[in-house]
N, C-alpha and C. Protein backbone atom coordinates (compact mmCIF):
# COMPACT_ATOMS: atom_id res chain seq x y z
N UNK A 1 0.81 -1.19 0.00
CA UNK A 1 0.00 0.00 0.00
C UNK A 1 0.86 1.25 0.00
N UNK A 2 1.76 1.42 0.96
CA UNK A 2 2.62 2.61 0.96
C UNK A 2 3.78 2.36 0.02
N UNK A 3 4.03 3.33 -0.83
CA UNK A 3 5.11 3.20 -1.79
C UNK A 3 6.17 4.24 -1.49
N UNK A 4 6.94 4.60 -2.46
CA UNK A 4 8.04 5.53 -2.26
C UNK A 4 7.59 6.92 -1.86
N UNK A 5 8.35 7.57 -1.03
CA UNK A 5 8.17 8.98 -0.66
C UNK A 5 6.79 9.33 -0.13
N UNK A 6 6.19 8.45 0.68
CA UNK A 6 4.90 8.76 1.28
C UNK A 6 3.74 8.75 0.31
N UNK A 7 3.90 8.10 -0.82
CA UNK A 7 2.81 8.00 -1.79
C UNK A 7 2.11 6.66 -1.54
N UNK A 8 0.79 6.71 -1.45
CA UNK A 8 0.00 5.50 -1.20
C UNK A 8 -0.74 5.09 -2.46
N UNK A 9 -1.16 3.82 -2.49
CA UNK A 9 -1.99 3.34 -3.58
C UNK A 9 -3.36 3.01 -3.00
N UNK A 10 -4.41 3.57 -3.58
CA UNK A 10 -5.77 3.37 -3.11
C UNK A 10 -6.14 1.89 -3.19
N UNK A 11 -6.74 1.38 -2.10
CA UNK A 11 -7.16 -0.02 -2.07
C UNK A 11 -8.33 -0.31 -3.00
N UNK A 12 -9.08 0.69 -3.38
CA UNK A 12 -10.27 0.48 -4.22
C UNK A 12 -9.96 0.65 -5.70
N UNK A 13 -9.40 1.79 -6.09
CA UNK A 13 -9.23 2.07 -7.52
C UNK A 13 -7.79 1.94 -8.00
N UNK A 14 -6.84 1.82 -7.08
CA UNK A 14 -5.45 1.65 -7.47
C UNK A 14 -4.71 2.94 -7.79
N UNK A 15 -5.38 4.08 -7.66
CA UNK A 15 -4.75 5.37 -7.93
C UNK A 15 -3.66 5.64 -6.90
N UNK A 16 -2.55 6.22 -7.34
CA UNK A 16 -1.51 6.65 -6.41
C UNK A 16 -1.81 8.07 -5.96
N UNK A 17 -1.62 8.34 -4.67
CA UNK A 17 -1.91 9.66 -4.13
C UNK A 17 -1.00 9.94 -2.94
N UNK A 18 -0.84 11.20 -2.62
CA UNK A 18 -0.07 11.61 -1.45
C UNK A 18 -1.02 11.84 -0.29
N UNK A 19 -0.62 11.42 0.90
CA UNK A 19 -1.42 11.67 2.08
C UNK A 19 -1.64 13.16 2.22
N UNK A 20 -2.85 13.54 2.64
CA UNK A 20 -3.16 14.94 2.83
C UNK A 20 -3.77 15.61 1.62
N UNK A 21 -3.80 14.92 0.48
CA UNK A 21 -4.48 15.48 -0.68
C UNK A 21 -5.96 15.56 -0.38
N UNK A 22 -6.65 16.47 -1.02
CA UNK A 22 -8.07 16.68 -0.76
C UNK A 22 -8.85 15.37 -0.83
N UNK A 23 -9.54 15.06 0.27
CA UNK A 23 -10.38 13.86 0.33
C UNK A 23 -9.63 12.57 0.59
N UNK A 24 -8.31 12.61 0.63
CA UNK A 24 -7.56 11.36 0.82
C UNK A 24 -7.71 10.84 2.24
N UNK A 25 -7.63 9.55 2.37
CA UNK A 25 -7.71 8.87 3.65
C UNK A 25 -6.48 7.98 3.75
N UNK A 26 -6.38 7.23 4.84
CA UNK A 26 -5.21 6.40 5.05
C UNK A 26 -5.02 5.35 3.95
N UNK A 27 -6.09 4.71 3.52
CA UNK A 27 -5.96 3.63 2.53
C UNK A 27 -6.76 3.85 1.26
N UNK A 28 -7.46 4.99 1.17
CA UNK A 28 -8.21 5.30 -0.04
C UNK A 28 -7.89 6.73 -0.50
N UNK A 29 -8.11 6.98 -1.79
CA UNK A 29 -7.71 8.26 -2.37
C UNK A 29 -8.78 9.33 -2.28
N UNK A 30 -10.03 8.95 -1.99
CA UNK A 30 -11.12 9.93 -2.02
C UNK A 30 -12.25 9.48 -1.10
N UNK A 31 -13.18 10.39 -0.85
CA UNK A 31 -14.35 10.05 -0.05
C UNK A 31 -15.18 8.97 -0.75
N UNK A 32 -15.25 9.03 -2.07
CA UNK A 32 -16.01 8.03 -2.83
C UNK A 32 -15.40 6.63 -2.65
N UNK A 33 -14.09 6.52 -2.78
CA UNK A 33 -13.43 5.23 -2.60
C UNK A 33 -13.53 4.77 -1.14
N UNK A 34 -13.45 5.71 -0.20
CA UNK A 34 -13.60 5.37 1.21
C UNK A 34 -14.96 4.73 1.45
N UNK A 35 -16.02 5.34 0.90
CA UNK A 35 -17.37 4.80 1.09
C UNK A 35 -17.49 3.40 0.48
N UNK A 36 -16.89 3.19 -0.68
CA UNK A 36 -16.91 1.85 -1.30
C UNK A 36 -16.20 0.83 -0.42
N UNK A 37 -15.09 1.22 0.18
CA UNK A 37 -14.35 0.31 1.07
C UNK A 37 -15.18 -0.01 2.30
N UNK A 38 -15.80 0.99 2.91
CA UNK A 38 -16.63 0.77 4.10
C UNK A 38 -17.79 -0.16 3.76
N UNK A 39 -18.45 0.07 2.64
CA UNK A 39 -19.56 -0.79 2.23
C UNK A 39 -19.10 -2.23 2.02
N UNK A 40 -17.93 -2.41 1.43
CA UNK A 40 -17.38 -3.75 1.20
C UNK A 40 -17.10 -4.45 2.54
N UNK A 41 -16.50 -3.72 3.46
CA UNK A 41 -16.18 -4.31 4.77
C UNK A 41 -17.45 -4.65 5.56
N UNK A 42 -18.46 -3.80 5.47
CA UNK A 42 -19.72 -4.09 6.16
C UNK A 42 -20.38 -5.33 5.56
N UNK A 43 -20.33 -5.48 4.23
CA UNK A 43 -20.88 -6.69 3.60
C UNK A 43 -20.14 -7.93 4.09
N UNK A 44 -18.83 -7.81 4.25
CA UNK A 44 -18.02 -8.96 4.66
C UNK A 44 -18.16 -9.28 6.14
N UNK A 45 -18.20 -8.24 7.00
CA UNK A 45 -18.17 -8.46 8.44
C UNK A 45 -19.49 -8.20 9.15
N UNK A 46 -20.49 -7.68 8.46
CA UNK A 46 -21.80 -7.42 9.06
C UNK A 46 -21.95 -5.98 9.52
N UNK A 47 -23.20 -5.60 9.78
CA UNK A 47 -23.51 -4.23 10.19
C UNK A 47 -23.02 -3.90 11.59
N UNK A 48 -23.00 -4.89 12.46
CA UNK A 48 -22.62 -4.68 13.85
C UNK A 48 -21.62 -5.72 14.30
N UNK A 49 -20.79 -5.33 15.25
CA UNK A 49 -19.83 -6.25 15.85
C UNK A 49 -20.13 -6.35 17.34
N UNK A 50 -19.89 -7.51 17.89
CA UNK A 50 -20.03 -7.75 19.32
C UNK A 50 -18.70 -7.38 19.97
N UNK A 51 -18.71 -6.32 20.78
CA UNK A 51 -17.48 -5.85 21.44
C UNK A 51 -17.69 -5.99 22.93
N UNK A 52 -16.80 -6.74 23.58
CA UNK A 52 -16.94 -7.02 25.00
C UNK A 52 -15.93 -6.22 25.82
N UNK A 53 -16.39 -5.72 26.94
CA UNK A 53 -15.53 -5.00 27.88
C UNK A 53 -14.80 -6.01 28.74
N UNK A 54 -13.48 -5.91 28.77
CA UNK A 54 -12.71 -6.80 29.62
C UNK A 54 -12.85 -6.42 31.09
N UNK A 55 -13.28 -5.19 31.36
CA UNK A 55 -13.42 -4.71 32.73
C UNK A 55 -14.74 -5.20 33.33
N UNK A 56 -15.84 -4.99 32.60
CA UNK A 56 -17.17 -5.31 33.14
C UNK A 56 -17.69 -6.67 32.69
N UNK A 57 -17.16 -7.19 31.59
CA UNK A 57 -17.65 -8.45 31.04
C UNK A 57 -18.90 -8.27 30.18
N UNK A 58 -19.43 -7.05 30.10
CA UNK A 58 -20.61 -6.79 29.28
C UNK A 58 -20.21 -6.67 27.82
N UNK A 59 -21.13 -7.07 26.93
CA UNK A 59 -20.88 -6.98 25.50
C UNK A 59 -21.86 -5.98 24.89
N UNK A 60 -21.37 -5.27 23.87
CA UNK A 60 -22.14 -4.20 23.26
C UNK A 60 -22.23 -4.40 21.75
N UNK A 61 -23.31 -3.88 21.16
CA UNK A 61 -23.56 -3.94 19.73
C UNK A 61 -23.04 -2.64 19.12
N UNK A 62 -21.89 -2.72 18.45
CA UNK A 62 -21.23 -1.53 17.91
C UNK A 62 -21.29 -1.58 16.38
N UNK A 63 -21.74 -0.50 15.75
CA UNK A 63 -21.76 -0.47 14.28
C UNK A 63 -20.35 -0.63 13.71
N UNK A 64 -20.23 -1.47 12.72
CA UNK A 64 -18.95 -1.70 12.06
C UNK A 64 -18.38 -0.40 11.51
N UNK A 65 -19.24 0.46 10.99
CA UNK A 65 -18.78 1.74 10.43
C UNK A 65 -18.06 2.58 11.49
N UNK A 66 -18.56 2.59 12.71
CA UNK A 66 -17.92 3.36 13.79
C UNK A 66 -16.51 2.83 14.04
N UNK A 67 -16.37 1.52 14.08
CA UNK A 67 -15.06 0.92 14.32
C UNK A 67 -14.09 1.28 13.20
N UNK A 68 -14.55 1.22 11.97
CA UNK A 68 -13.70 1.52 10.82
C UNK A 68 -13.30 3.00 10.79
N UNK A 69 -14.28 3.87 10.98
CA UNK A 69 -14.02 5.29 10.75
C UNK A 69 -13.45 6.04 11.95
N UNK A 70 -13.83 5.66 13.15
CA UNK A 70 -13.39 6.42 14.33
C UNK A 70 -12.53 5.62 15.28
N UNK A 71 -12.68 4.30 15.23
CA UNK A 71 -12.06 3.50 16.27
C UNK A 71 -12.96 3.54 17.50
N UNK A 72 -12.52 2.94 18.57
CA UNK A 72 -13.38 2.79 19.73
C UNK A 72 -12.54 2.76 20.99
N UNK A 73 -12.97 3.50 21.99
CA UNK A 73 -12.31 3.43 23.29
C UNK A 73 -13.23 2.69 24.26
N UNK A 74 -12.65 2.21 25.34
CA UNK A 74 -13.43 1.49 26.34
C UNK A 74 -14.54 2.38 26.90
N UNK A 75 -14.24 3.64 27.11
CA UNK A 75 -15.22 4.57 27.69
C UNK A 75 -16.43 4.77 26.78
N UNK A 76 -16.27 4.62 25.48
CA UNK A 76 -17.37 4.82 24.53
C UNK A 76 -18.34 3.65 24.48
N UNK A 77 -17.93 2.49 24.96
CA UNK A 77 -18.77 1.30 24.84
C UNK A 77 -20.15 1.49 25.44
N UNK A 78 -20.24 2.20 26.55
CA UNK A 78 -21.54 2.34 27.23
C UNK A 78 -22.53 3.16 26.41
N UNK A 79 -22.07 3.83 25.35
CA UNK A 79 -22.97 4.59 24.47
C UNK A 79 -23.78 3.69 23.54
N UNK A 80 -23.38 2.44 23.43
CA UNK A 80 -24.01 1.51 22.51
C UNK A 80 -24.90 0.54 23.27
N UNK A 81 -25.91 -0.02 22.60
CA UNK A 81 -26.80 -0.97 23.29
C UNK A 81 -26.05 -2.26 23.65
N UNK A 82 -26.49 -2.89 24.72
CA UNK A 82 -25.90 -4.17 25.09
C UNK A 82 -26.27 -5.22 24.05
N UNK A 83 -25.35 -6.14 23.83
CA UNK A 83 -25.55 -7.22 22.86
C UNK A 83 -26.55 -8.21 23.41
N UNK A 84 -27.54 -8.54 22.62
CA UNK A 84 -28.55 -9.55 23.00
C UNK A 84 -28.33 -10.79 22.15
N UNK A 85 -28.05 -11.91 22.78
CA UNK A 85 -27.84 -13.16 22.04
C UNK A 85 -29.10 -13.77 21.54
């Protein structure tokens, strides 16, 4: 993915781009390619993931998109509904 001199190759369209260019992301070259990647990952991994707190033992239903786009801290888990089996 990362090539010479900080130039990346988009995972979706294969375009080479420099980080920080308008609309560029870590692994995609544009907002459009980012959305395609997120949609592909959601199709593969599902709309929600079961994320369990190692502290409390409770599990939460977290949208896959949130994990991909923002990441997740332990403190944020309580903002999501508890996982129902």
